[in-house]
């Protein structure tokens, strides 16, 4: 017997008046949430198309009186966006690659190779999640400075590898892979590395996509750590350059710079949203 309860009964929905009221309320709620999420984006994009006087006007104008693209062209040149965007891409790509390789290897070892004191090691790794990130800034900086890695992308890549959350996420996914599949591959003569490369990684595409998104976004939006390790302005990422180079610039140029800087992350989300949803669903599936 079906005992599912809803806010609106099927009998009410069967009536024309009830169906009309339901869809009116539903459409209104969807429209309200859409406006709540998209209006800030619209406000930022159109803000760069206004004149500096119009941006500072009170009350503000919803639609620009005069559409000016000079804010975006000035931002591209005055803020040196190509250089800083490329710096960010290099730092994010390197941190993503290092994190994906080393975290995957460590998670596979803890999940399938089961080393001695593996649970103790995993517990120690997870214990680092309890330490505030701010408390690790000074030790990390001293270590990077002692190694002579200041103003070097390695100062971003190497600390990004030590990501306990992504490692645990990968390990939990590897734990859910059926052991029969891996044992069959080993019986056929596949070694541990061959099993990882040919079986585990292809089956782990959803969670690898989620880890990739987390790794790229974390580096792209980080501000404090790149500010500390990159004193050379020409090597700073976009997050630091927006603050360092924004003095005495028109507000429209700064807004346009922020819009341009956010485009890669928005595009990446739109391209890989299916992988994100698949990874979340896979993380909630019990093996």
C-alpha atoms as a PDB file:
ATOM      1  CA  UNK A   1       0.000   0.000   0.000  1.00  0.00           C
ATOM      2  CA  UNK A   2       1.382   3.385  -1.011  1.00  0.00           C
ATOM      3  CA  UNK A   3       1.510   5.705   2.025  1.00  0.00           C
ATOM      4  CA  UNK A   4       3.501   8.535   0.438  1.00  0.00           C
ATOM      5  CA  UNK A   5       2.322  11.933   1.656  1.00  0.00           C
ATOM      6  CA  UNK A   6       2.676  15.188  -0.196  1.00  0.00           C
ATOM      7  CA  UNK A   7       1.725  18.790   0.460  1.00  0.00           C
ATOM      8  CA  UNK A   8      -0.950  18.587  -2.219  1.00  0.00           C
ATOM      9  CA  UNK A   9      -3.088  15.473  -2.497  1.00  0.00           C
ATOM     10  CA  UNK A  10      -3.606  13.765  -5.894  1.00  0.00           C
ATOM     11  CA  UNK A  11      -7.335  14.534  -5.629  1.00  0.00           C
ATOM     12  CA  UNK A  12      -6.629  18.270  -5.457  1.00  0.00           C
ATOM     13  CA  UNK A  13      -4.161  18.075  -8.331  1.00  0.00           C
ATOM     14  CA  UNK A  14      -6.785  16.323 -10.448  1.00  0.00           C
ATOM     15  CA  UNK A  15      -9.009  19.389 -10.312  1.00  0.00           C
ATOM     16  CA  UNK A  16      -8.318  22.180 -12.836  1.00  0.00           C
ATOM     17  CA  UNK A  17      -8.287  24.871 -10.144  1.00  0.00           C
ATOM     18  CA  UNK A  18      -5.957  22.875  -7.910  1.00  0.00           C
ATOM     19  CA  UNK A  19      -3.575  22.114 -10.796  1.00  0.00           C
ATOM     20  CA  UNK A  20      -3.476  25.779 -11.821  1.00  0.00           C
ATOM     21  CA  UNK A  21      -2.772  26.890  -8.248  1.00  0.00           C
ATOM     22  CA  UNK A  22      -0.034  24.272  -7.857  1.00  0.00           C
ATOM     23  CA  UNK A  23       1.803  25.258 -11.033  1.00  0.00           C
ATOM     24  CA  UNK A  24       1.417  28.957 -10.256  1.00  0.00           C
ATOM     25  CA  UNK A  25       3.048  28.535  -6.843  1.00  0.00           C
ATOM     26  CA  UNK A  26       5.701  26.180  -8.218  1.00  0.00           C
ATOM     27  CA  UNK A  27       6.615  28.550 -11.061  1.00  0.00           C
ATOM     28  CA  UNK A  28       6.736  31.498  -8.678  1.00  0.00           C
ATOM     29  CA  UNK A  29       9.111  29.704  -6.301  1.00  0.00           C
ATOM     30  CA  UNK A  30      11.405  28.608  -9.146  1.00  0.00           C
ATOM     31  CA  UNK A  31      11.431  32.137 -10.563  1.00  0.00           C
ATOM     32  CA  UNK A  32      12.188  33.609  -7.137  1.00  0.00           C
ATOM     33  CA  UNK A  33      15.144  31.308  -6.544  1.00  0.00           C
ATOM     34  CA  UNK A  34      16.415  31.905 -10.082  1.00  0.00           C
ATOM     35  CA  UNK A  35      16.364  35.662  -9.554  1.00  0.00           C
ATOM     36  CA  UNK A  36      18.029  35.303  -6.147  1.00  0.00           C
ATOM     37  CA  UNK A  37      20.969  33.418  -7.672  1.00  0.00           C
ATOM     38  CA  UNK A  38      21.290  35.114 -11.053  1.00  0.00           C
ATOM     39  CA  UNK A  39      20.604  38.735 -10.167  1.00  0.00           C
ATOM     40  CA  UNK A  40      23.980  39.240  -8.384  1.00  0.00           C
ATOM     41  CA  UNK A  41      25.704  37.876 -11.490  1.00  0.00           C
ATOM     42  CA  UNK A  42      23.699  40.210 -13.714  1.00  0.00           C
ATOM     43  CA  UNK A  43      24.457  43.140 -11.406  1.00  0.00           C
ATOM     44  CA  UNK A  44      28.197  42.478 -11.554  1.00  0.00           C
ATOM     45  CA  UNK A  45      28.312  41.970 -15.332  1.00  0.00           C
ATOM     46  CA  UNK A  46      26.273  45.086 -16.106  1.00  0.00           C
ATOM     47  CA  UNK A  47      28.120  47.117 -13.478  1.00  0.00           C
ATOM     48  CA  UNK A  48      31.256  46.942 -15.611  1.00  0.00           C
ATOM     49  CA  UNK A  49      29.248  48.219 -18.588  1.00  0.00           C
ATOM     50  CA  UNK A  50      28.275  51.449 -16.820  1.00  0.00           C
ATOM     51  CA  UNK A  51      30.211  54.676 -16.474  1.00  0.00           C
ATOM     52  CA  UNK A  52      32.040  55.281 -13.153  1.00  0.00           C
ATOM     53  CA  UNK A  53      29.524  57.994 -12.233  1.00  0.00           C
ATOM     54  CA  UNK A  54      26.568  55.723 -12.940  1.00  0.00           C
ATOM     55  CA  UNK A  55      28.006  52.900 -10.822  1.00  0.00           C
ATOM     56  CA  UNK A  56      28.291  55.216  -7.812  1.00  0.00           C
ATOM     57  CA  UNK A  57      24.871  56.777  -8.318  1.00  0.00           C
ATOM     58  CA  UNK A  58      22.183  56.517  -5.631  1.00  0.00           C
ATOM     59  CA  UNK A  59      19.682  55.033  -6.236  1.00  0.00           C
ATOM     60  CA  UNK A  60      21.415  52.676  -8.652  1.00  0.00           C
ATOM     61  CA  UNK A  61      20.224  51.966 -12.170  1.00  0.00           C
ATOM     62  CA  UNK A  62      19.184  48.423 -12.987  1.00  0.00           C
ATOM     63  CA  UNK A  63      19.910  48.760 -16.712  1.00  0.00           C
ATOM     64  CA  UNK A  64      22.952  50.768 -17.880  1.00  0.00           C
ATOM     65  CA  UNK A  65      21.994  54.059 -19.466  1.00  0.00           C
ATOM     66  CA  UNK A  66      24.968  53.814 -21.807  1.00  0.00           C
ATOM     67  CA  UNK A  67      26.522  50.434 -22.601  1.00  0.00           C
ATOM     68  CA  UNK A  68      30.311  50.785 -22.400  1.00  0.00           C
ATOM     69  CA  UNK A  69      32.649  47.860 -23.072  1.00  0.00           C
ATOM     70  CA  UNK A  70      35.671  49.982 -22.262  1.00  0.00           C
ATOM     71  CA  UNK A  71      35.556  48.715 -18.684  1.00  0.00           C
ATOM     72  CA  UNK A  72      36.430  45.208 -19.865  1.00  0.00           C
ATOM     73  CA  UNK A  73      39.065  46.303 -22.369  1.00  0.00           C
ATOM     74  CA  UNK A  74      40.711  48.604 -19.815  1.00  0.00           C
ATOM     75  CA  UNK A  75      40.674  45.833 -17.227  1.00  0.00           C
ATOM     76  CA  UNK A  76      42.344  43.436 -19.652  1.00  0.00           C
ATOM     77  CA  UNK A  77      45.189  45.887 -20.276  1.00  0.00           C
ATOM     78  CA  UNK A  78      45.551  47.882 -17.034  1.00  0.00           C
ATOM     79  CA  UNK A  79      45.289  44.882 -14.689  1.00  0.00           C
ATOM     80  CA  UNK A  80      47.619  42.723 -16.829  1.00  0.00           C
ATOM     81  CA  UNK A  81      44.999  39.980 -16.770  1.00  0.00           C
ATOM     82  CA  UNK A  82      46.626  37.681 -19.380  1.00  0.00           C
ATOM     83  CA  UNK A  83      49.772  37.367 -17.267  1.00  0.00           C
ATOM     84  CA  UNK A  84      47.988  36.786 -13.983  1.00  0.00           C
ATOM     85  CA  UNK A  85      45.426  34.426 -15.469  1.00  0.00           C
ATOM     86  CA  UNK A  86      48.240  32.354 -16.941  1.00  0.00           C
ATOM     87  CA  UNK A  87      50.011  32.324 -13.558  1.00  0.00           C
ATOM     88  CA  UNK A  88      46.805  31.073 -11.968  1.00  0.00           C
ATOM     89  CA  UNK A  89      46.348  28.372 -14.602  1.00  0.00           C
ATOM     90  CA  UNK A  90      49.907  27.103 -14.087  1.00  0.00           C
ATOM     91  CA  UNK A  91      49.557  27.066 -10.303  1.00  0.00           C
ATOM     92  CA  UNK A  92      46.108  25.445 -10.339  1.00  0.00           C
ATOM     93  CA  UNK A  93      47.031  22.834 -12.954  1.00  0.00           C
ATOM     94  CA  UNK A  94      50.206  21.828 -11.155  1.00  0.00           C
ATOM     95  CA  UNK A  95      48.474  21.596  -7.780  1.00  0.00           C
ATOM     96  CA  UNK A  96      45.658  19.565  -9.348  1.00  0.00           C
ATOM     97  CA  UNK A  97      48.048  17.118 -11.010  1.00  0.00           C
ATOM     98  CA  UNK A  98      50.222  16.624  -7.908  1.00  0.00           C
ATOM     99  CA  UNK A  99      47.198  16.232  -5.674  1.00  0.00           C
ATOM    100  CA  UNK A 100      45.439  13.823  -8.002  1.00  0.00           C
ATOM    101  CA  UNK A 101      48.482  11.572  -8.423  1.00  0.00           C
ATOM    102  CA  UNK A 102      49.693  11.463  -4.824  1.00  0.00           C
ATOM    103  CA  UNK A 103      46.291  11.466  -3.101  1.00  0.00           C
ATOM    104  CA  UNK A 104      45.065   8.698  -5.408  1.00  0.00           C
ATOM    105  CA  UNK A 105      48.167   6.606  -4.736  1.00  0.00           C
ATOM    106  CA  UNK A 106      47.915   7.125  -0.966  1.00  0.00           C
ATOM    107  CA  UNK A 107      44.178   6.381  -0.914  1.00  0.00           C
ATOM    108  CA  UNK A 108      44.625   3.226  -2.988  1.00  0.00           C
ATOM    109  CA  UNK A 109      47.408   2.029  -0.692  1.00  0.00           C
ATOM    110  CA  UNK A 110      45.322   2.612   2.444  1.00  0.00           C
ATOM    111  CA  UNK A 111      42.223   1.051   0.905  1.00  0.00           C
ATOM    112  CA  UNK A 112      43.530  -1.971  -0.999  1.00  0.00           C
ATOM    113  CA  UNK A 113      47.148  -2.628  -0.044  1.00  0.00           C
ATOM    114  CA  UNK A 114      46.357  -2.335   3.674  1.00  0.00           C
ATOM    115  CA  UNK A 115      49.836  -1.461   5.022  1.00  0.00           C
ATOM    116  CA  UNK A 116      50.869  -2.009   8.618  1.00  0.00           C
ATOM    117  CA  UNK A 117      49.353   0.585  10.952  1.00  0.00           C
ATOM    118  CA  UNK A 118      47.183   1.758   8.067  1.00  0.00           C
ATOM    119  CA  UNK A 119      44.329   2.740  10.374  1.00  0.00           C
ATOM    120  CA  UNK A 120      46.690   4.698  12.597  1.00  0.00           C
ATOM    121  CA  UNK A 121      48.087   6.517   9.573  1.00  0.00           C
ATOM    122  CA  UNK A 122      44.594   7.289   8.310  1.00  0.00           C
ATOM    123  CA  UNK A 123      43.578   8.527  11.752  1.00  0.00           C
ATOM    124  CA  UNK A 124      46.593  10.832  11.852  1.00  0.00           C
ATOM    125  CA  UNK A 125      45.754  12.190   8.408  1.00  0.00           C
ATOM    126  CA  UNK A 126      42.145  12.841   9.376  1.00  0.00           C
ATOM    127  CA  UNK A 127      43.279  14.487  12.601  1.00  0.00           C
ATOM    128  CA  UNK A 128      44.823  17.265  10.523  1.00  0.00           C
ATOM    129  CA  UNK A 129      41.299  18.292   9.519  1.00  0.00           C
ATOM    130  CA  UNK A 130      40.785  19.455  13.099  1.00  0.00           C
ATOM    131  CA  UNK A 131      43.668  21.935  12.854  1.00  0.00           C
ATOM    132  CA  UNK A 132      42.624  25.408  11.609  1.00  0.00           C
ATOM    133  CA  UNK A 133      44.178  26.296   8.280  1.00  0.00           C
ATOM    134  CA  UNK A 134      45.424  29.601   9.716  1.00  0.00           C
ATOM    135  CA  UNK A 135      47.509  27.740  12.282  1.00  0.00           C
ATOM    136  CA  UNK A 136      49.471  26.028   9.501  1.00  0.00           C
ATOM    137  CA  UNK A 137      50.340  29.161   7.541  1.00  0.00           C
ATOM    138  CA  UNK A 138      53.482  30.082   9.481  1.00  0.00           C
ATOM    139  CA  UNK A 139      54.992  26.547   9.552  1.00  0.00           C
ATOM    140  CA  UNK A 140      54.275  26.140   5.843  1.00  0.00           C
ATOM    141  CA  UNK A 141      55.839  29.500   5.029  1.00  0.00           C
ATOM    142  CA  UNK A 142      58.987  28.745   7.036  1.00  0.00           C
ATOM    143  CA  UNK A 143      59.319  25.374   5.327  1.00  0.00           C
ATOM    144  CA  UNK A 144      58.866  26.856   1.851  1.00  0.00           C
ATOM    145  CA  UNK A 145      61.323  29.666   2.637  1.00  0.00           C
ATOM    146  CA  UNK A 146      63.947  27.207   3.932  1.00  0.00           C
ATOM    147  CA  UNK A 147      63.631  25.202   0.718  1.00  0.00           C
ATOM    148  CA  UNK A 148      64.060  28.342  -1.404  1.00  0.00           C
ATOM    149  CA  UNK A 149      60.686  27.957  -3.098  1.00  0.00           C
ATOM    150  CA  UNK A 150      59.419  31.506  -2.682  1.00  0.00           C
ATOM    151  CA  UNK A 151      58.132  32.986  -5.967  1.00  0.00           C
ATOM    152  CA  UNK A 152      58.055  29.444  -7.358  1.00  0.00           C
ATOM    153  CA  UNK A 153      54.916  27.500  -8.399  1.00  0.00           C
ATOM    154  CA  UNK A 154      56.164  24.594  -6.275  1.00  0.00           C
ATOM    155  CA  UNK A 155      55.227  26.676  -3.237  1.00  0.00           C
ATOM    156  CA  UNK A 156      51.600  26.196  -4.345  1.00  0.00           C
ATOM    157  CA  UNK A 157      51.858  22.670  -5.700  1.00  0.00           C
ATOM    158  CA  UNK A 158      53.541  20.885  -2.797  1.00  0.00           C
ATOM    159  CA  UNK A 159      51.326  22.130   0.091  1.00  0.00           C
ATOM    160  CA  UNK A 160      48.230  21.351  -2.002  1.00  0.00           C
ATOM    161  CA  UNK A 161      49.177  17.660  -2.022  1.00  0.00           C
ATOM    162  CA  UNK A 162      48.497  17.349   1.713  1.00  0.00           C
ATOM    163  CA  UNK A 163      44.715  17.390   1.391  1.00  0.00           C
ATOM    164  CA  UNK A 164      43.235  15.035   3.954  1.00  0.00           C
ATOM    165  CA  UNK A 165      39.641  15.535   2.831  1.00  0.00           C
ATOM    166  CA  UNK A 166      40.235  14.552  -0.799  1.00  0.00           C
ATOM    167  CA  UNK A 167      42.378  11.612   0.270  1.00  0.00           C
ATOM    168  CA  UNK A 168      39.616  10.338   2.545  1.00  0.00           C
ATOM    169  CA  UNK A 169      37.019  10.882  -0.187  1.00  0.00           C
ATOM    170  CA  UNK A 170      39.063   8.769  -2.596  1.00  0.00           C
ATOM    171  CA  UNK A 171      39.671   6.055  -0.016  1.00  0.00           C
ATOM    172  CA  UNK A 172      35.971   5.743   0.777  1.00  0.00           C
ATOM    173  CA  UNK A 173      35.212   5.348  -2.917  1.00  0.00           C
ATOM    174  CA  UNK A 174      37.937   2.728  -3.365  1.00  0.00           C
ATOM    175  CA  UNK A 175      36.515   0.815  -0.390  1.00  0.00           C
ATOM    176  CA  UNK A 176      33.197   0.488  -2.251  1.00  0.00           C
ATOM    177  CA  UNK A 177      34.699  -1.135  -5.355  1.00  0.00           C
ATOM    178  CA  UNK A 178      33.729  -4.844  -5.356  1.00  0.00           C
ATOM    179  CA  UNK A 179      36.640  -6.982  -4.245  1.00  0.00           C
ATOM    180  CA  UNK A 180      35.635  -9.744  -6.680  1.00  0.00           C
ATOM    181  CA  UNK A 181      36.508  -7.541  -9.658  1.00  0.00           C
ATOM    182  CA  UNK A 182      39.965  -6.764  -8.337  1.00  0.00           C
ATOM    183  CA  UNK A 183      40.621 -10.377  -7.336  1.00  0.00           C
ATOM    184  CA  UNK A 184      39.646 -11.575 -10.816  1.00  0.00           C
ATOM    185  CA  UNK A 185      42.164  -9.170 -12.345  1.00  0.00           C
ATOM    186  CA  UNK A 186      44.881 -10.391  -9.985  1.00  0.00           C
ATOM    187  CA  UNK A 187      44.092 -14.002 -10.876  1.00  0.00           C
ATOM    188  CA  UNK A 188      44.579 -13.085 -14.545  1.00  0.00           C
ATOM    189  CA  UNK A 189      48.073 -11.894 -13.660  1.00  0.00           C
ATOM    190  CA  UNK A 190      47.571  -8.157 -13.224  1.00  0.00           C
ATOM    191  CA  UNK A 191      49.826  -6.539 -10.637  1.00  0.00           C
ATOM    192  CA  UNK A 192      48.806  -3.904  -8.130  1.00  0.00           C
ATOM    193  CA  UNK A 193      49.757  -0.993 -10.385  1.00  0.00           C
ATOM    194  CA  UNK A 194      48.029  -2.575 -13.395  1.00  0.00           C
ATOM    195  CA  UNK A 195      44.861  -3.060 -11.343  1.00  0.00           C
ATOM    196  CA  UNK A 196      44.991   0.570 -10.261  1.00  0.00           C
ATOM    197  CA  UNK A 197      45.576   1.891 -13.786  1.00  0.00           C
ATOM    198  CA  UNK A 198      43.272  -0.407 -15.774  1.00  0.00           C
ATOM    199  CA  UNK A 199      40.415  -1.043 -13.340  1.00  0.00           C
ATOM    200  CA  UNK A 200      40.297   1.278 -10.346  1.00  0.00           C
ATOM    201  CA  UNK A 201      40.929   4.584 -12.122  1.00  0.00           C
ATOM    202  CA  UNK A 202      38.372   4.043 -14.946  1.00  0.00           C
ATOM    203  CA  UNK A 203      35.763   3.070 -12.347  1.00  0.00           C
ATOM    204  CA  UNK A 204      36.653   6.123 -10.253  1.00  0.00           C
ATOM    205  CA  UNK A 205      36.007   8.821 -12.849  1.00  0.00           C
ATOM    206  CA  UNK A 206      33.085  10.384 -10.926  1.00  0.00           C
ATOM    207  CA  UNK A 207      35.002  10.836  -7.678  1.00  0.00           C
ATOM    208  CA  UNK A 208      38.146  11.901  -9.553  1.00  0.00           C
ATOM    209  CA  UNK A 209      36.056  14.606 -11.208  1.00  0.00           C
ATOM    210  CA  UNK A 210      34.827  15.850  -7.844  1.00  0.00           C
ATOM    211  CA  UNK A 211      38.348  15.851  -6.382  1.00  0.00           C
ATOM    212  CA  UNK A 212      39.591  17.726  -9.447  1.00  0.00           C
ATOM    213  CA  UNK A 213      36.942  20.412  -8.993  1.00  0.00           C
ATOM    214  CA  UNK A 214      37.799  20.794  -5.310  1.00  0.00           C
ATOM    215  CA  UNK A 215      41.525  21.025  -6.055  1.00  0.00           C
ATOM    216  CA  UNK A 216      41.194  23.582  -8.855  1.00  0.00           C
ATOM    217  CA  UNK A 217      38.710  25.803  -7.049  1.00  0.00           C
ATOM    218  CA  UNK A 218      40.787  25.783  -3.840  1.00  0.00           C
ATOM    219  CA  UNK A 219      43.868  27.099  -5.660  1.00  0.00           C
ATOM    220  CA  UNK A 220      41.943  29.492  -7.890  1.00  0.00           C
ATOM    221  CA  UNK A 221      40.218  31.296  -5.027  1.00  0.00           C
ATOM    222  CA  UNK A 222      43.044  31.174  -2.477  1.00  0.00           C
ATOM    223  CA  UNK A 223      44.381  34.566  -1.488  1.00  0.00           C
ATOM    224  CA  UNK A 224      46.420  34.491   1.728  1.00  0.00           C
ATOM    225  CA  UNK A 225      48.923  31.800   0.813  1.00  0.00           C
ATOM    226  CA  UNK A 226      49.791  33.138  -2.688  1.00  0.00           C
ATOM    227  CA  UNK A 227      50.083  36.625  -1.195  1.00  0.00           C
ATOM    228  CA  UNK A 228      52.720  35.356   1.229  1.00  0.00           C
ATOM    229  CA  UNK A 229      54.833  33.284  -1.148  1.00  0.00           C
ATOM    230  CA  UNK A 230      54.711  35.510  -4.261  1.00  0.00           C
ATOM    231  CA  UNK A 231      56.329  38.890  -3.655  1.00  0.00           C
ATOM    232  CA  UNK A 232      57.109  39.185  -7.356  1.00  0.00           C
ATOM    233  CA  UNK A 233      54.105  40.956  -8.893  1.00  0.00           C
ATOM    234  CA  UNK A 234      54.681  39.339 -12.273  1.00  0.00           C
ATOM    235  CA  UNK A 235      54.209  35.857 -10.791  1.00  0.00           C
ATOM    236  CA  UNK A 236      51.131  36.520  -8.671  1.00  0.00           C
ATOM    237  CA  UNK A 237      47.825  34.769  -9.439  1.00  0.00           C
ATOM    238  CA  UNK A 238      44.674  36.636 -10.318  1.00  0.00           C
ATOM    239  CA  UNK A 239      43.262  36.565  -6.779  1.00  0.00           C
ATOM    240  CA  UNK A 240      46.248  38.499  -5.430  1.00  0.00           C
ATOM    241  CA  UNK A 241      46.663  40.764  -8.452  1.00  0.00           C
ATOM    242  CA  UNK A 242      43.081  42.020  -8.178  1.00  0.00           C
ATOM    243  CA  UNK A 243      43.918  43.442  -4.757  1.00  0.00           C
ATOM    244  CA  UNK A 244      47.492  44.541  -5.380  1.00  0.00           C
ATOM    245  CA  UNK A 245      46.765  46.407  -8.633  1.00  0.00           C
ATOM    246  CA  UNK A 246      43.339  47.829  -7.822  1.00  0.00           C
ATOM    247  CA  UNK A 247      44.495  51.056  -6.173  1.00  0.00           C
ATOM    248  CA  UNK A 248      43.533  54.263  -7.983  1.00  0.00           C
ATOM    249  CA  UNK A 249      41.594  52.369 -10.646  1.00  0.00           C
ATOM    250  CA  UNK A 250      37.993  53.131 -11.673  1.00  0.00           C
ATOM    251  CA  UNK A 251      35.390  50.942 -10.010  1.00  0.00           C
ATOM    252  CA  UNK A 252      34.137  49.733 -13.379  1.00  0.00           C
ATOM    253  CA  UNK A 253      37.598  48.401 -14.247  1.00  0.00           C
ATOM    254  CA  UNK A 254      37.787  46.501 -10.960  1.00  0.00           C
ATOM    255  CA  UNK A 255      34.329  45.009 -11.468  1.00  0.00           C
ATOM    256  CA  UNK A 256      35.211  43.981 -15.019  1.00  0.00           C
ATOM    257  CA  UNK A 257      38.391  42.325 -13.734  1.00  0.00           C
ATOM    258  CA  UNK A 258      36.410  40.283 -11.236  1.00  0.00           C
ATOM    259  CA  UNK A 259      33.963  39.228 -13.946  1.00  0.00           C
ATOM    260  CA  UNK A 260      36.773  38.081 -16.235  1.00  0.00           C
ATOM    261  CA  UNK A 261      38.515  36.276 -13.372  1.00  0.00           C
ATOM    262  CA  UNK A 262      35.346  34.324 -12.545  1.00  0.00           C
ATOM    263  CA  UNK A 263      34.683  33.154 -16.110  1.00  0.00           C
ATOM    264  CA  UNK A 264      37.081  30.133 -16.045  1.00  0.00           C
ATOM    265  CA  UNK A 265      35.537  28.702 -12.872  1.00  0.00           C
ATOM    266  CA  UNK A 266      31.990  29.204 -14.146  1.00  0.00           C
ATOM    267  CA  UNK A 267      32.891  27.605 -17.473  1.00  0.00           C
ATOM    268  CA  UNK A 268      34.545  24.668 -15.728  1.00  0.00           C
ATOM    269  CA  UNK A 269      31.450  24.096 -13.607  1.00  0.00           C
ATOM    270  CA  UNK A 270      29.146  24.193 -16.633  1.00  0.00           C
ATOM    271  CA  UNK A 271      31.348  21.735 -18.519  1.00  0.00           C
ATOM    272  CA  UNK A 272      31.859  19.277 -15.661  1.00  0.00           C
ATOM    273  CA  UNK A 273      28.545  19.596 -13.824  1.00  0.00           C
ATOM    274  CA  UNK A 274      27.540  16.081 -14.884  1.00  0.00           C
ATOM    275  CA  UNK A 275      30.713  14.694 -13.338  1.00  0.00           C
ATOM    276  CA  UNK A 276      30.064  16.644 -10.138  1.00  0.00           C
ATOM    277  CA  UNK A 277      26.542  15.251  -9.810  1.00  0.00           C
ATOM    278  CA  UNK A 278      27.752  11.750 -10.676  1.00  0.00           C
ATOM    279  CA  UNK A 279      30.513  11.999  -8.093  1.00  0.00           C
ATOM    280  CA  UNK A 280      28.119  13.121  -5.371  1.00  0.00           C
ATOM    281  CA  UNK A 281      25.749  10.288  -6.246  1.00  0.00           C
ATOM    282  CA  UNK A 282      28.592   7.779  -6.295  1.00  0.00           C
ATOM    283  CA  UNK A 283      29.801   8.986  -2.900  1.00  0.00           C
ATOM    284  CA  UNK A 284      26.391   8.268  -1.417  1.00  0.00           C
ATOM    285  CA  UNK A 285      26.086   4.772  -2.928  1.00  0.00           C
ATOM    286  CA  UNK A 286      26.749   1.846  -0.670  1.00  0.00           C
ATOM    287  CA  UNK A 287      28.718  -1.031  -2.083  1.00  0.00           C
END
